[in-house]
Amino acid sequence: MTTPDKHFERRARELWHEAAQRIDPATAGRLRAARRQALATTRAPAPRAARWLIPAGAFAVIALATMMVWQPLPRHHAAPAKTAVNTAETGVELDSDLPPDADKTDPNLYQNLDFYGWLAANNSSTAAR
């Protein structure tokens, strides 16, 4: 420090000591009580609930991650295998197929729907003969 700073610091200390000696006892008592109260609140232990927030949060994150990763695998039903067995046993094809999607089929098939209706009607009558 330079000498003007030391001089300023020394003068500030002298003024502070002089002012502290001239303070009335009631104000000094209130200042000491406020100081003790401020020091007591800083030394107070943290609430117990705050101590458990970090471990509880970590446990919740681990549980969520475990549930997201470890999901049950989808079970495949045996229904398609049974229909194949039924078709092989009876020799009759089941009519459970859905019609093809319109965007995947030939658009020319939809032009003469009356013809296909007539063909289906005549084809079934010739098969009955």
C-alpha atoms as a PDB file:
ATOM      1  CA  MET A   1       0.000   0.000   0.000  1.00  0.00           C
ATOM      2  CA  THR A   2       1.069   3.496  -0.581  1.00  0.00           C
ATOM      3  CA  THR A   3       1.432   5.986   2.227  1.00  0.00           C
ATOM      4  CA  PRO A   4      -1.759   7.952   1.384  1.00  0.00           C
ATOM      5  CA  ASP A   5      -3.740   4.692   1.616  1.00  0.00           C
ATOM      6  CA  LYS A   6      -2.198   3.832   4.977  1.00  0.00           C
ATOM      7  CA  HIS A   7      -2.923   7.309   6.235  1.00  0.00           C
ATOM      8  CA  PHE A   8      -6.558   7.024   5.063  1.00  0.00           C
ATOM      9  CA  GLU A   9      -6.929   3.574   6.680  1.00  0.00           C
ATOM     10  CA  ARG A  10      -5.431   4.742   9.982  1.00  0.00           C
ATOM     11  CA  ARG A  11      -7.700   7.787  10.050  1.00  0.00           C
ATOM     12  CA  ALA A  12     -10.790   5.627   9.306  1.00  0.00           C
ATOM     13  CA  ARG A  13      -9.919   3.274  12.193  1.00  0.00           C
ATOM     14  CA  GLU A  14      -9.483   6.173  14.598  1.00  0.00           C
ATOM     15  CA  LEU A  15     -12.862   7.616  13.636  1.00  0.00           C
ATOM     16  CA  TRP A  16     -14.547   4.218  13.970  1.00  0.00           C
ATOM     17  CA  HIS A  17     -13.092   3.625  17.471  1.00  0.00           C
ATOM     18  CA  GLU A  18     -14.064   7.131  18.526  1.00  0.00           C
ATOM     19  CA  ALA A  19     -17.643   6.678  17.254  1.00  0.00           C
ATOM     20  CA  ALA A  20     -17.909   3.241  18.919  1.00  0.00           C
ATOM     21  CA  GLN A  21     -16.971   4.755  22.289  1.00  0.00           C
ATOM     22  CA  ARG A  22     -19.526   7.563  21.976  1.00  0.00           C
ATOM     23  CA  ILE A  23     -22.505   5.299  21.190  1.00  0.00           C
ATOM     24  CA  ASP A  24     -25.170   5.097  23.902  1.00  0.00           C
ATOM     25  CA  PRO A  25     -25.532   1.757  25.776  1.00  0.00           C
ATOM     26  CA  ALA A  26     -29.105   1.032  24.539  1.00  0.00           C
ATOM     27  CA  THR A  27     -28.092   1.276  20.870  1.00  0.00           C
ATOM     28  CA  ALA A  28     -24.964  -0.802  21.521  1.00  0.00           C
ATOM     29  CA  GLY A  29     -27.114  -3.495  23.176  1.00  0.00           C
ATOM     30  CA  ARG A  30     -29.508  -3.576  20.224  1.00  0.00           C
ATOM     31  CA  LEU A  31     -26.570  -3.833  17.801  1.00  0.00           C
ATOM     32  CA  ARG A  32     -25.051  -6.731  19.769  1.00  0.00           C
ATOM     33  CA  ALA A  33     -28.446  -8.537  19.873  1.00  0.00           C
ATOM     34  CA  ALA A  34     -28.893  -8.101  16.129  1.00  0.00           C
ATOM     35  CA  ARG A  35     -25.364  -9.408  15.534  1.00  0.00           C
ATOM     36  CA  ARG A  36     -25.991 -12.483  17.720  1.00  0.00           C
ATOM     37  CA  GLN A  37     -29.286 -13.179  15.942  1.00  0.00           C
ATOM     38  CA  ALA A  38     -27.663 -12.880  12.499  1.00  0.00           C
ATOM     39  CA  LEU A  39     -24.860 -15.242  13.496  1.00  0.00           C
ATOM     40  CA  ALA A  40     -27.327 -17.751  14.964  1.00  0.00           C
ATOM     41  CA  THR A  41     -29.371 -17.938  11.743  1.00  0.00           C
ATOM     42  CA  THR A  42     -26.278 -18.592   9.627  1.00  0.00           C
ATOM     43  CA  ARG A  43     -25.208 -21.436  11.930  1.00  0.00           C
ATOM     44  CA  ALA A  44     -28.666 -23.076  11.949  1.00  0.00           C
ATOM     45  CA  PRO A  45     -28.665 -26.573  10.444  1.00  0.00           C
ATOM     46  CA  ALA A  46     -30.272 -27.082   7.057  1.00  0.00           C
ATOM     47  CA  PRO A  47     -33.776 -28.552   7.128  1.00  0.00           C
ATOM     48  CA  ARG A  48     -33.905 -32.338   6.935  1.00  0.00           C
ATOM     49  CA  ALA A  49     -36.192 -32.265   3.901  1.00  0.00           C
ATOM     50  CA  ALA A  50     -33.560 -30.467   1.838  1.00  0.00           C
ATOM     51  CA  ARG A  51     -31.033 -33.223   2.576  1.00  0.00           C
ATOM     52  CA  TRP A  52     -33.313 -35.833   1.020  1.00  0.00           C
ATOM     53  CA  LEU A  53     -34.180 -33.928  -2.145  1.00  0.00           C
ATOM     54  CA  ILE A  54     -31.036 -34.875  -4.063  1.00  0.00           C
ATOM     55  CA  PRO A  55     -31.138 -38.638  -3.309  1.00  0.00           C
ATOM     56  CA  ALA A  56     -34.895 -38.791  -3.897  1.00  0.00           C
ATOM     57  CA  GLY A  57     -34.539 -36.966  -7.210  1.00  0.00           C
ATOM     58  CA  ALA A  58     -31.713 -39.275  -8.274  1.00  0.00           C
ATOM     59  CA  PHE A  59     -33.807 -42.325  -7.393  1.00  0.00           C
ATOM     60  CA  ALA A  60     -36.751 -40.968  -9.398  1.00  0.00           C
ATOM     61  CA  VAL A  61     -34.538 -40.388 -12.446  1.00  0.00           C
ATOM     62  CA  ILE A  62     -33.077 -43.898 -12.214  1.00  0.00           C
ATOM     63  CA  ALA A  63     -36.549 -45.434 -11.863  1.00  0.00           C
ATOM     64  CA  LEU A  64     -37.847 -43.500 -14.875  1.00  0.00           C
ATOM     65  CA  ALA A  65     -34.839 -44.476 -16.997  1.00  0.00           C
ATOM     66  CA  THR A  66     -35.234 -48.109 -15.981  1.00  0.00           C
ATOM     67  CA  MET A  67     -38.911 -48.134 -16.903  1.00  0.00           C
ATOM     68  CA  MET A  68     -38.200 -46.544 -20.279  1.00  0.00           C
ATOM     69  CA  VAL A  69     -35.414 -48.974 -21.149  1.00  0.00           C
ATOM     70  CA  TRP A  70     -36.866 -52.159 -19.700  1.00  0.00           C
ATOM     71  CA  GLN A  71     -40.292 -52.370 -21.306  1.00  0.00           C
ATOM     72  CA  PRO A  72     -41.950 -55.739 -21.804  1.00  0.00           C
ATOM     73  CA  LEU A  73     -41.489 -57.163 -25.281  1.00  0.00           C
ATOM     74  CA  PRO A  74     -44.633 -57.373 -27.422  1.00  0.00           C
ATOM     75  CA  ARG A  75     -46.082 -60.868 -27.427  1.00  0.00           C
ATOM     76  CA  HIS A  76     -46.902 -62.435 -30.766  1.00  0.00           C
ATOM     77  CA  HIS A  77     -50.263 -64.100 -30.904  1.00  0.00           C
ATOM     78  CA  ALA A  78     -50.574 -67.614 -32.318  1.00  0.00           C
ATOM     79  CA  ALA A  79     -53.717 -66.719 -34.335  1.00  0.00           C
ATOM     80  CA  PRO A  80     -51.999 -66.521 -37.763  1.00  0.00           C
ATOM     81  CA  ALA A  81     -50.518 -69.986 -37.263  1.00  0.00           C
ATOM     82  CA  LYS A  82     -53.942 -71.409 -36.431  1.00  0.00           C
ATOM     83  CA  THR A  83     -55.510 -70.050 -39.631  1.00  0.00           C
ATOM     84  CA  ALA A  84     -52.735 -71.647 -41.661  1.00  0.00           C
ATOM     85  CA  VAL A  85     -53.407 -74.949 -39.936  1.00  0.00           C
ATOM     86  CA  ASN A  86     -57.149 -74.631 -40.553  1.00  0.00           C
ATOM     87  CA  THR A  87     -56.573 -73.940 -44.239  1.00  0.00           C
ATOM     88  CA  ALA A  88     -54.265 -76.922 -44.586  1.00  0.00           C
ATOM     89  CA  GLU A  89     -56.651 -79.257 -42.737  1.00  0.00           C
ATOM     90  CA  THR A  90     -59.892 -78.282 -44.430  1.00  0.00           C
ATOM     91  CA  GLY A  91     -58.537 -77.446 -47.856  1.00  0.00           C
ATOM     92  CA  VAL A  92     -60.786 -74.389 -47.883  1.00  0.00           C
ATOM     93  CA  GLU A  93     -59.191 -70.976 -48.126  1.00  0.00           C
ATOM     94  CA  LEU A  94     -60.483 -68.499 -45.597  1.00  0.00           C
ATOM     95  CA  ASP A  95     -61.699 -65.226 -47.046  1.00  0.00           C
ATOM     96  CA  SER A  96     -60.120 -63.043 -44.392  1.00  0.00           C
ATOM     97  CA  ASP A  97     -57.800 -61.082 -46.679  1.00  0.00           C
ATOM     98  CA  LEU A  98     -58.473 -57.397 -46.919  1.00  0.00           C
ATOM     99  CA  PRO A  99     -58.823 -55.786 -50.336  1.00  0.00           C
ATOM    100  CA  PRO A 100     -55.651 -54.140 -51.596  1.00  0.00           C
ATOM    101  CA  ASP A 101     -55.104 -50.476 -51.004  1.00  0.00           C
ATOM    102  CA  ALA A 102     -56.226 -48.233 -53.857  1.00  0.00           C
ATOM    103  CA  ASP A 103     -52.834 -46.573 -54.156  1.00  0.00           C
ATOM    104  CA  LYS A 104     -51.056 -49.955 -54.529  1.00  0.00           C
ATOM    105  CA  THR A 105     -53.310 -51.494 -57.180  1.00  0.00           C
ATOM    106  CA  ASP A 106     -53.693 -50.897 -60.902  1.00  0.00           C
ATOM    107  CA  PRO A 107     -56.204 -48.061 -61.563  1.00  0.00           C
ATOM    108  CA  ASN A 108     -57.517 -49.938 -64.618  1.00  0.00           C
ATOM    109  CA  LEU A 109     -59.098 -52.513 -62.297  1.00  0.00           C
ATOM    110  CA  TYR A 110     -61.553 -49.926 -61.004  1.00  0.00           C
ATOM    111  CA  GLN A 111     -62.781 -48.838 -64.459  1.00  0.00           C
ATOM    112  CA  ASN A 112     -65.097 -51.786 -65.211  1.00  0.00           C
ATOM    113  CA  LEU A 113     -66.500 -52.803 -61.858  1.00  0.00           C
ATOM    114  CA  ASP A 114     -69.746 -54.026 -63.450  1.00  0.00           C
ATOM    115  CA  PHE A 115     -67.784 -56.520 -65.514  1.00  0.00           C
ATOM    116  CA  TYR A 116     -66.115 -57.951 -62.425  1.00  0.00           C
ATOM    117  CA  GLY A 117     -69.489 -58.288 -60.736  1.00  0.00           C
ATOM    118  CA  TRP A 118     -70.871 -60.140 -63.801  1.00  0.00           C
ATOM    119  CA  LEU A 119     -67.746 -62.335 -63.907  1.00  0.00           C
ATOM    120  CA  ALA A 120     -68.104 -63.254 -60.238  1.00  0.00           C
ATOM    121  CA  ALA A 121     -71.780 -64.108 -60.701  1.00  0.00           C
ATOM    122  CA  ASN A 122     -71.160 -66.272 -63.804  1.00  0.00           C
ATOM    123  CA  ASN A 123     -68.019 -67.862 -62.445  1.00  0.00           C
ATOM    124  CA  SER A 124     -69.828 -69.124 -59.356  1.00  0.00           C
ATOM    125  CA  SER A 125     -72.682 -70.569 -61.467  1.00  0.00           C
ATOM    126  CA  THR A 126     -70.248 -72.428 -63.758  1.00  0.00           C
ATOM    127  CA  ALA A 127     -68.368 -73.781 -60.765  1.00  0.00           C
ATOM    128  CA  ALA A 128     -71.633 -75.183 -59.404  1.00  0.00           C
ATOM    129  CA  ARG A 129     -72.196 -77.257 -62.602  1.00  0.00           C
END
